[in-house]
């Protein structure tokens, strides 16, 4: 699916959820595992501003399309967090964006050093870093869409399922941006193709890794995808369409490392 930045900027808006009857959670409350997964998703969406901060010290910020997209992407992800927080609040679980942001700030020098390392690595790789960033982003967004749709299908809930599908639909536009950008850069650089493949196979982990404890990542990903190998294969096939990634089985390998069959 091609991506038009101008159209995206003109049509970007908050995910709608105020029309959904959240009172139905009183008669049909969500189970503990689903709430744990939603909390994980909410935290990840709220942490997008931190991802944007790290991107600003890499060569990607000098790319006009990337910088323009990230501005809208950051807002949409924040709104996703707001919608999920509203669902959690109906179950007595309070997720406060400012509190989460403060936790990141308390990381202090560790956060600063992480950003410096990211900057140094990115500038060492040079322009091919952008290809890696875009392909990594495509992998993350593909898995996010799959996760939201999977959770929606697991419940047939009159309020939760429509919300999750709306979020997933917005995420598909993020997929389109990243895959369009990744394809252009991978096609243009044999070095980028080899570099990106190596980075993905060795280092990619499910979205939320690095923010959450590994035990939490394992629980949530197991809740969504254990016994769903065909879903992981679909994700791998999507990446295999990109130049240089033919035959890659990155998603299968990453989940296997987590011990999720």
C-alpha atoms as a PDB file:
ATOM      1  CA  UNK A   1       0.000   0.000   0.000  1.00  0.00           C
ATOM      2  CA  UNK A   2       1.533   3.347  -1.064  1.00  0.00           C
ATOM      3  CA  UNK A   3       1.625   6.277   1.306  1.00  0.00           C
ATOM      4  CA  UNK A   4       0.785   9.932   0.701  1.00  0.00           C
ATOM      5  CA  UNK A   5       2.121  12.194   3.461  1.00  0.00           C
ATOM      6  CA  UNK A   6      -0.068  15.170   2.559  1.00  0.00           C
ATOM      7  CA  UNK A   7      -3.229  13.059   2.756  1.00  0.00           C
ATOM      8  CA  UNK A   8      -2.085  11.563   6.041  1.00  0.00           C
ATOM      9  CA  UNK A   9      -1.442  15.011   7.546  1.00  0.00           C
ATOM     10  CA  UNK A  10      -4.808  16.334   6.353  1.00  0.00           C
ATOM     11  CA  UNK A  11      -6.810  13.378   7.687  1.00  0.00           C
ATOM     12  CA  UNK A  12      -4.902  12.568  10.889  1.00  0.00           C
ATOM     13  CA  UNK A  13      -7.246  12.729  13.854  1.00  0.00           C
ATOM     14  CA  UNK A  14      -7.845  11.250  17.267  1.00  0.00           C
ATOM     15  CA  UNK A  15      -9.231   7.747  17.297  1.00  0.00           C
ATOM     16  CA  UNK A  16     -12.958   8.003  18.051  1.00  0.00           C
ATOM     17  CA  UNK A  17     -14.252   6.214  21.124  1.00  0.00           C
ATOM     18  CA  UNK A  18     -16.677   8.582  22.866  1.00  0.00           C
ATOM     19  CA  UNK A  19     -19.502   7.109  20.786  1.00  0.00           C
ATOM     20  CA  UNK A  20     -18.877   3.661  22.290  1.00  0.00           C
ATOM     21  CA  UNK A  21     -20.919   2.617  25.309  1.00  0.00           C
ATOM     22  CA  UNK A  22     -18.243   2.105  27.948  1.00  0.00           C
ATOM     23  CA  UNK A  23     -20.993   1.347  30.468  1.00  0.00           C
ATOM     24  CA  UNK A  24     -21.127  -2.141  28.960  1.00  0.00           C
ATOM     25  CA  UNK A  25     -17.933  -2.894  30.876  1.00  0.00           C
ATOM     26  CA  UNK A  26     -20.035  -2.916  34.028  1.00  0.00           C
ATOM     27  CA  UNK A  27     -22.087  -5.865  32.841  1.00  0.00           C
ATOM     28  CA  UNK A  28     -19.321  -7.390  30.742  1.00  0.00           C
ATOM     29  CA  UNK A  29     -16.031  -6.624  32.493  1.00  0.00           C
ATOM     30  CA  UNK A  30     -12.763  -7.798  30.974  1.00  0.00           C
ATOM     31  CA  UNK A  31     -10.770 -10.670  32.440  1.00  0.00           C
ATOM     32  CA  UNK A  32      -7.449 -10.158  34.213  1.00  0.00           C
ATOM     33  CA  UNK A  33      -5.249 -11.328  31.302  1.00  0.00           C
ATOM     34  CA  UNK A  34      -6.971  -8.995  28.869  1.00  0.00           C
ATOM     35  CA  UNK A  35      -6.623  -6.058  31.261  1.00  0.00           C
ATOM     36  CA  UNK A  36      -2.943  -6.866  31.690  1.00  0.00           C
ATOM     37  CA  UNK A  37      -2.519  -6.864  27.915  1.00  0.00           C
ATOM     38  CA  UNK A  38      -4.419  -3.583  27.540  1.00  0.00           C
ATOM     39  CA  UNK A  39      -2.260  -1.975  30.223  1.00  0.00           C
ATOM     40  CA  UNK A  40       0.827  -3.091  28.309  1.00  0.00           C
ATOM     41  CA  UNK A  41      -0.559  -1.654  25.069  1.00  0.00           C
ATOM     42  CA  UNK A  42      -1.510   1.591  26.785  1.00  0.00           C
ATOM     43  CA  UNK A  43       1.976   2.038  28.244  1.00  0.00           C
ATOM     44  CA  UNK A  44       3.586   1.398  24.854  1.00  0.00           C
ATOM     45  CA  UNK A  45       1.339   3.931  23.115  1.00  0.00           C
ATOM     46  CA  UNK A  46       2.050   6.560  25.761  1.00  0.00           C
ATOM     47  CA  UNK A  47       5.803   5.972  25.447  1.00  0.00           C
ATOM     48  CA  UNK A  48       5.794   6.990  21.785  1.00  0.00           C
ATOM     49  CA  UNK A  49       6.990  10.485  22.701  1.00  0.00           C
ATOM     50  CA  UNK A  50      10.139   8.888  24.106  1.00  0.00           C
ATOM     51  CA  UNK A  51      10.703   7.018  20.832  1.00  0.00           C
ATOM     52  CA  UNK A  52      10.319  10.341  19.005  1.00  0.00           C
ATOM     53  CA  UNK A  53      12.928  11.917  21.289  1.00  0.00           C
ATOM     54  CA  UNK A  54      15.425   9.192  20.387  1.00  0.00           C
ATOM     55  CA  UNK A  55      14.669   9.556  16.671  1.00  0.00           C
ATOM     56  CA  UNK A  56      15.603  13.241  16.797  1.00  0.00           C
ATOM     57  CA  UNK A  57      19.274  12.410  17.416  1.00  0.00           C
ATOM     58  CA  UNK A  58      19.544  10.116  14.371  1.00  0.00           C
ATOM     59  CA  UNK A  59      19.870  10.832  10.632  1.00  0.00           C
ATOM     60  CA  UNK A  60      16.121  10.185  10.277  1.00  0.00           C
ATOM     61  CA  UNK A  61      15.265  13.609  11.649  1.00  0.00           C
ATOM     62  CA  UNK A  62      16.940  15.203   8.624  1.00  0.00           C
ATOM     63  CA  UNK A  63      14.529  13.387   6.290  1.00  0.00           C
ATOM     64  CA  UNK A  64      11.625  15.719   5.542  1.00  0.00           C
ATOM     65  CA  UNK A  65       9.049  12.964   5.060  1.00  0.00           C
ATOM     66  CA  UNK A  66      10.144  11.122   8.188  1.00  0.00           C
ATOM     67  CA  UNK A  67      10.035  14.249  10.347  1.00  0.00           C
ATOM     68  CA  UNK A  68       6.613  15.224   9.026  1.00  0.00           C
ATOM     69  CA  UNK A  69       5.188  11.760   9.548  1.00  0.00           C
ATOM     70  CA  UNK A  70       6.591  11.444  13.074  1.00  0.00           C
ATOM     71  CA  UNK A  71       4.755  14.571  14.194  1.00  0.00           C
ATOM     72  CA  UNK A  72       1.354  13.130  13.270  1.00  0.00           C
ATOM     73  CA  UNK A  73       2.319   9.588  14.312  1.00  0.00           C
ATOM     74  CA  UNK A  74       3.236  10.827  17.783  1.00  0.00           C
ATOM     75  CA  UNK A  75      -0.172  12.451  18.229  1.00  0.00           C
ATOM     76  CA  UNK A  76      -2.123   9.448  16.983  1.00  0.00           C
ATOM     77  CA  UNK A  77      -0.241   7.064  19.274  1.00  0.00           C
ATOM     78  CA  UNK A  78      -0.903   9.354  22.247  1.00  0.00           C
ATOM     79  CA  UNK A  79      -4.610   9.313  21.451  1.00  0.00           C
ATOM     80  CA  UNK A  80      -4.514   5.527  21.297  1.00  0.00           C
ATOM     81  CA  UNK A  81      -3.096   5.582  24.806  1.00  0.00           C
ATOM     82  CA  UNK A  82      -5.876   7.904  25.941  1.00  0.00           C
ATOM     83  CA  UNK A  83      -8.571   5.591  24.566  1.00  0.00           C
ATOM     84  CA  UNK A  84      -7.054   2.493  26.178  1.00  0.00           C
ATOM     85  CA  UNK A  85      -6.639   4.372  29.451  1.00  0.00           C
ATOM     86  CA  UNK A  86     -10.375   5.134  29.414  1.00  0.00           C
ATOM     87  CA  UNK A  87     -11.166   1.414  29.127  1.00  0.00           C
ATOM     88  CA  UNK A  88      -8.771   0.573  31.942  1.00  0.00           C
ATOM     89  CA  UNK A  89     -10.279   3.315  34.118  1.00  0.00           C
ATOM     90  CA  UNK A  90     -13.656   1.574  33.859  1.00  0.00           C
ATOM     91  CA  UNK A  91     -11.973  -1.376  35.591  1.00  0.00           C
ATOM     92  CA  UNK A  92     -10.381   0.698  38.347  1.00  0.00           C
ATOM     93  CA  UNK A  93      -6.949   0.801  36.694  1.00  0.00           C
ATOM     94  CA  UNK A  94      -5.585   4.334  36.474  1.00  0.00           C
ATOM     95  CA  UNK A  95      -2.926   5.044  33.853  1.00  0.00           C
ATOM     96  CA  UNK A  96      -1.625   8.590  33.965  1.00  0.00           C
ATOM     97  CA  UNK A  97       0.472   9.863  31.053  1.00  0.00           C
ATOM     98  CA  UNK A  98       2.335  12.401  33.164  1.00  0.00           C
ATOM     99  CA  UNK A  99       3.214   9.696  35.675  1.00  0.00           C
ATOM    100  CA  UNK A 100       4.604   7.442  32.954  1.00  0.00           C
ATOM    101  CA  UNK A 101       6.584  10.337  31.524  1.00  0.00           C
ATOM    102  CA  UNK A 102       8.005  11.108  34.949  1.00  0.00           C
ATOM    103  CA  UNK A 103       9.196   7.505  35.295  1.00  0.00           C
ATOM    104  CA  UNK A 104      11.150   7.866  32.089  1.00  0.00           C
ATOM    105  CA  UNK A 105      12.708  11.107  33.305  1.00  0.00           C
ATOM    106  CA  UNK A 106      13.777   9.376  36.541  1.00  0.00           C
ATOM    107  CA  UNK A 107      15.934   7.045  34.492  1.00  0.00           C
ATOM    108  CA  UNK A 108      18.252  10.052  34.363  1.00  0.00           C
ATOM    109  CA  UNK A 109      21.736   9.327  33.083  1.00  0.00           C
ATOM    110  CA  UNK A 110      20.753   5.872  31.816  1.00  0.00           C
ATOM    111  CA  UNK A 111      18.195   7.418  29.480  1.00  0.00           C
ATOM    112  CA  UNK A 112      20.669  10.081  28.390  1.00  0.00           C
ATOM    113  CA  UNK A 113      23.414   7.552  27.694  1.00  0.00           C
ATOM    114  CA  UNK A 114      20.980   5.395  25.742  1.00  0.00           C
ATOM    115  CA  UNK A 115      20.154   8.353  23.512  1.00  0.00           C
ATOM    116  CA  UNK A 116      23.839   9.201  23.034  1.00  0.00           C
ATOM    117  CA  UNK A 117      24.606   5.582  22.091  1.00  0.00           C
ATOM    118  CA  UNK A 118      21.686   5.611  19.644  1.00  0.00           C
ATOM    119  CA  UNK A 119      23.011   8.812  18.086  1.00  0.00           C
ATOM    120  CA  UNK A 120      26.580   7.521  17.829  1.00  0.00           C
ATOM    121  CA  UNK A 121      25.489   4.231  16.262  1.00  0.00           C
ATOM    122  CA  UNK A 122      23.138   5.943  13.835  1.00  0.00           C
ATOM    123  CA  UNK A 123      25.735   8.412  12.643  1.00  0.00           C
ATOM    124  CA  UNK A 124      28.349   5.669  12.355  1.00  0.00           C
ATOM    125  CA  UNK A 125      26.061   3.684  10.037  1.00  0.00           C
ATOM    126  CA  UNK A 126      25.221   6.849   8.104  1.00  0.00           C
ATOM    127  CA  UNK A 127      22.391   7.191   5.618  1.00  0.00           C
ATOM    128  CA  UNK A 128      21.674   3.453   5.692  1.00  0.00           C
ATOM    129  CA  UNK A 129      20.445   3.939   9.248  1.00  0.00           C
ATOM    130  CA  UNK A 130      17.278   5.433   7.802  1.00  0.00           C
ATOM    131  CA  UNK A 131      16.594   2.188   5.939  1.00  0.00           C
ATOM    132  CA  UNK A 132      17.053   0.272   9.200  1.00  0.00           C
ATOM    133  CA  UNK A 133      14.799   2.695  11.087  1.00  0.00           C
ATOM    134  CA  UNK A 134      12.041   2.470   8.483  1.00  0.00           C
ATOM    135  CA  UNK A 135      12.156  -1.320   8.226  1.00  0.00           C
ATOM    136  CA  UNK A 136      12.213  -1.691  12.013  1.00  0.00           C
ATOM    137  CA  UNK A 137       9.236   0.655  12.192  1.00  0.00           C
ATOM    138  CA  UNK A 138       7.391  -1.429   9.611  1.00  0.00           C
ATOM    139  CA  UNK A 139       7.975  -4.568  11.695  1.00  0.00           C
ATOM    140  CA  UNK A 140       6.748  -2.857  14.851  1.00  0.00           C
ATOM    141  CA  UNK A 141       3.612  -1.471  13.239  1.00  0.00           C
ATOM    142  CA  UNK A 142       2.782  -4.738  11.486  1.00  0.00           C
ATOM    143  CA  UNK A 143       2.936  -6.559  14.807  1.00  0.00           C
ATOM    144  CA  UNK A 144       0.877  -3.836  16.505  1.00  0.00           C
ATOM    145  CA  UNK A 145      -1.905  -4.187  13.929  1.00  0.00           C
ATOM    146  CA  UNK A 146      -1.876  -7.957  14.380  1.00  0.00           C
ATOM    147  CA  UNK A 147      -1.992  -7.615  18.175  1.00  0.00           C
ATOM    148  CA  UNK A 148      -4.945  -5.228  18.186  1.00  0.00           C
ATOM    149  CA  UNK A 149      -6.909  -7.301  15.703  1.00  0.00           C
ATOM    150  CA  UNK A 150      -6.145 -10.504  17.574  1.00  0.00           C
ATOM    151  CA  UNK A 151      -7.353  -9.073  20.883  1.00  0.00           C
ATOM    152  CA  UNK A 152     -10.490  -7.715  19.213  1.00  0.00           C
ATOM    153  CA  UNK A 153     -11.252 -11.160  17.770  1.00  0.00           C
ATOM    154  CA  UNK A 154     -10.675 -12.843  21.122  1.00  0.00           C
ATOM    155  CA  UNK A 155     -13.600 -10.940  22.652  1.00  0.00           C
ATOM    156  CA  UNK A 156     -16.649  -9.930  20.556  1.00  0.00           C
ATOM    157  CA  UNK A 157     -17.183  -7.142  23.085  1.00  0.00           C
ATOM    158  CA  UNK A 158     -19.543  -4.312  22.001  1.00  0.00           C
ATOM    159  CA  UNK A 159     -17.187  -1.581  23.248  1.00  0.00           C
ATOM    160  CA  UNK A 160     -13.698  -3.112  23.297  1.00  0.00           C
ATOM    161  CA  UNK A 161     -13.659  -4.838  19.914  1.00  0.00           C
ATOM    162  CA  UNK A 162     -14.733  -1.797  17.833  1.00  0.00           C
ATOM    163  CA  UNK A 163     -12.192   0.374  19.642  1.00  0.00           C
ATOM    164  CA  UNK A 164      -9.332  -2.030  19.008  1.00  0.00           C
ATOM    165  CA  UNK A 165     -10.257  -2.351  15.338  1.00  0.00           C
ATOM    166  CA  UNK A 166     -10.318   1.438  14.978  1.00  0.00           C
ATOM    167  CA  UNK A 167      -6.851   1.674  16.492  1.00  0.00           C
ATOM    168  CA  UNK A 168      -5.634  -1.107  14.221  1.00  0.00           C
ATOM    169  CA  UNK A 169      -7.040   0.719  11.194  1.00  0.00           C
ATOM    170  CA  UNK A 170      -5.068   3.837  12.039  1.00  0.00           C
ATOM    171  CA  UNK A 171      -1.965   1.717  12.578  1.00  0.00           C
ATOM    172  CA  UNK A 172      -2.284   0.352   9.030  1.00  0.00           C
ATOM    173  CA  UNK A 173      -1.486   3.830   7.726  1.00  0.00           C
ATOM    174  CA  UNK A 174       1.656   3.811   9.837  1.00  0.00           C
ATOM    175  CA  UNK A 175       2.538   0.466   8.254  1.00  0.00           C
ATOM    176  CA  UNK A 176       2.077   2.030   4.804  1.00  0.00           C
ATOM    177  CA  UNK A 177       4.463   4.872   5.587  1.00  0.00           C
ATOM    178  CA  UNK A 178       7.211   2.684   6.977  1.00  0.00           C
ATOM    179  CA  UNK A 179       7.015   0.042   4.262  1.00  0.00           C
ATOM    180  CA  UNK A 180       6.998   2.659   1.485  1.00  0.00           C
ATOM    181  CA  UNK A 181      10.047   4.377   2.944  1.00  0.00           C
ATOM    182  CA  UNK A 182      11.819   1.098   3.676  1.00  0.00           C
ATOM    183  CA  UNK A 183      11.281  -0.244   0.159  1.00  0.00           C
ATOM    184  CA  UNK A 184      12.708   2.873  -1.471  1.00  0.00           C
ATOM    185  CA  UNK A 185      15.850   2.795   0.643  1.00  0.00           C
ATOM    186  CA  UNK A 186      16.408  -0.942   0.444  1.00  0.00           C
ATOM    187  CA  UNK A 187      16.042  -0.895  -3.335  1.00  0.00           C
ATOM    188  CA  UNK A 188      18.638   1.868  -3.578  1.00  0.00           C
ATOM    189  CA  UNK A 189      21.377   0.323  -1.424  1.00  0.00           C
ATOM    190  CA  UNK A 190      22.792  -3.222  -1.441  1.00  0.00           C
ATOM    191  CA  UNK A 191      24.659  -2.326   1.752  1.00  0.00           C
ATOM    192  CA  UNK A 192      21.395  -1.341   3.424  1.00  0.00           C
ATOM    193  CA  UNK A 193      19.766  -4.629   2.436  1.00  0.00           C
ATOM    194  CA  UNK A 194      22.493  -6.680   4.108  1.00  0.00           C
ATOM    195  CA  UNK A 195      22.682  -4.403   7.137  1.00  0.00           C
ATOM    196  CA  UNK A 196      18.940  -4.292   7.763  1.00  0.00           C
ATOM    197  CA  UNK A 197      18.509  -8.034   7.437  1.00  0.00           C
ATOM    198  CA  UNK A 198      21.301  -8.660   9.932  1.00  0.00           C
ATOM    199  CA  UNK A 199      19.927  -6.118  12.434  1.00  0.00           C
ATOM    200  CA  UNK A 200      16.386  -7.492  12.274  1.00  0.00           C
ATOM    201  CA  UNK A 201      17.411 -11.128  12.613  1.00  0.00           C
ATOM    202  CA  UNK A 202      19.734 -10.466  15.543  1.00  0.00           C
ATOM    203  CA  UNK A 203      18.084  -7.700  17.500  1.00  0.00           C
ATOM    204  CA  UNK A 204      14.358  -7.260  16.798  1.00  0.00           C
ATOM    205  CA  UNK A 205      12.074  -7.984  19.751  1.00  0.00           C
ATOM    206  CA  UNK A 206       8.324  -7.523  20.168  1.00  0.00           C
ATOM    207  CA  UNK A 207       7.091  -3.985  20.663  1.00  0.00           C
ATOM    208  CA  UNK A 208       7.394  -3.019  24.319  1.00  0.00           C
ATOM    209  CA  UNK A 209      10.684  -4.821  24.888  1.00  0.00           C
ATOM    210  CA  UNK A 210      13.034  -2.448  26.649  1.00  0.00           C
ATOM    211  CA  UNK A 211      10.108  -0.628  28.263  1.00  0.00           C
ATOM    212  CA  UNK A 212       8.584  -3.592  30.078  1.00  0.00           C
ATOM    213  CA  UNK A 213      10.161  -6.392  32.018  1.00  0.00           C
ATOM    214  CA  UNK A 214      10.825  -9.421  29.825  1.00  0.00           C
ATOM    215  CA  UNK A 215       8.415 -11.463  31.932  1.00  0.00           C
ATOM    216  CA  UNK A 216       5.664  -8.999  31.036  1.00  0.00           C
ATOM    217  CA  UNK A 217       6.563  -9.071  27.349  1.00  0.00           C
ATOM    218  CA  UNK A 218       6.468 -12.874  27.434  1.00  0.00           C
ATOM    219  CA  UNK A 219       3.095 -12.939  29.204  1.00  0.00           C
ATOM    220  CA  UNK A 220       1.382 -10.481  26.877  1.00  0.00           C
ATOM    221  CA  UNK A 221       2.792 -11.919  23.661  1.00  0.00           C
ATOM    222  CA  UNK A 222       1.933 -15.412  24.856  1.00  0.00           C
ATOM    223  CA  UNK A 223      -1.597 -14.298  25.672  1.00  0.00           C
ATOM    224  CA  UNK A 224      -2.016 -12.959  22.144  1.00  0.00           C
ATOM    225  CA  UNK A 225      -0.014 -15.323  19.974  1.00  0.00           C
ATOM    226  CA  UNK A 226       0.735 -18.614  21.747  1.00  0.00           C
ATOM    227  CA  UNK A 227      -0.380 -21.387  19.420  1.00  0.00           C
ATOM    228  CA  UNK A 228      -0.887 -18.868  16.608  1.00  0.00           C
ATOM    229  CA  UNK A 229       2.139 -19.658  14.466  1.00  0.00           C
ATOM    230  CA  UNK A 230       0.171 -18.835  11.325  1.00  0.00           C
ATOM    231  CA  UNK A 231      -0.148 -15.226  12.523  1.00  0.00           C
ATOM    232  CA  UNK A 232       3.617 -14.923  12.901  1.00  0.00           C
ATOM    233  CA  UNK A 233       4.124 -16.498   9.490  1.00  0.00           C
ATOM    234  CA  UNK A 234       1.815 -13.884   7.962  1.00  0.00           C
ATOM    235  CA  UNK A 235       3.909 -11.129   9.515  1.00  0.00           C
ATOM    236  CA  UNK A 236       7.103 -12.694   8.211  1.00  0.00           C
ATOM    237  CA  UNK A 237       5.596 -12.932   4.728  1.00  0.00           C
ATOM    238  CA  UNK A 238       4.805  -9.216   4.803  1.00  0.00           C
ATOM    239  CA  UNK A 239       8.425  -8.392   5.560  1.00  0.00           C
ATOM    240  CA  UNK A 240       9.633 -10.858   2.943  1.00  0.00           C
ATOM    241  CA  UNK A 241       8.127  -8.593   0.276  1.00  0.00           C
ATOM    242  CA  UNK A 242      10.778  -5.956   1.006  1.00  0.00           C
ATOM    243  CA  UNK A 243      14.033  -6.013  -0.984  1.00  0.00           C
ATOM    244  CA  UNK A 244      16.732  -8.067   0.704  1.00  0.00           C
ATOM    245  CA  UNK A 245      14.369  -9.680   3.199  1.00  0.00           C
ATOM    246  CA  UNK A 246      13.298 -12.634   1.088  1.00  0.00           C
ATOM    247  CA  UNK A 247      12.839 -15.743   3.240  1.00  0.00           C
ATOM    248  CA  UNK A 248      13.330 -13.917   6.547  1.00  0.00           C
ATOM    249  CA  UNK A 249      11.560 -15.473   9.559  1.00  0.00           C
ATOM    250  CA  UNK A 250      12.242 -12.736  12.075  1.00  0.00           C
ATOM    251  CA  UNK A 251       8.936 -12.861  13.929  1.00  0.00           C
ATOM    252  CA  UNK A 252       9.057 -16.623  14.394  1.00  0.00           C
ATOM    253  CA  UNK A 253      12.628 -16.394  15.687  1.00  0.00           C
ATOM    254  CA  UNK A 254      11.919 -13.507  18.089  1.00  0.00           C
ATOM    255  CA  UNK A 255       8.950 -15.284  19.651  1.00  0.00           C
ATOM    256  CA  UNK A 256      10.909 -18.519  19.892  1.00  0.00           C
ATOM    257  CA  UNK A 257      13.607 -16.683  21.859  1.00  0.00           C
ATOM    258  CA  UNK A 258      10.900 -15.652  24.308  1.00  0.00           C
ATOM    259  CA  UNK A 259       9.838 -19.279  24.656  1.00  0.00           C
ATOM    260  CA  UNK A 260       6.456 -18.692  22.992  1.00  0.00           C
ATOM    261  CA  UNK A 261       5.556 -21.687  20.847  1.00  0.00           C
END
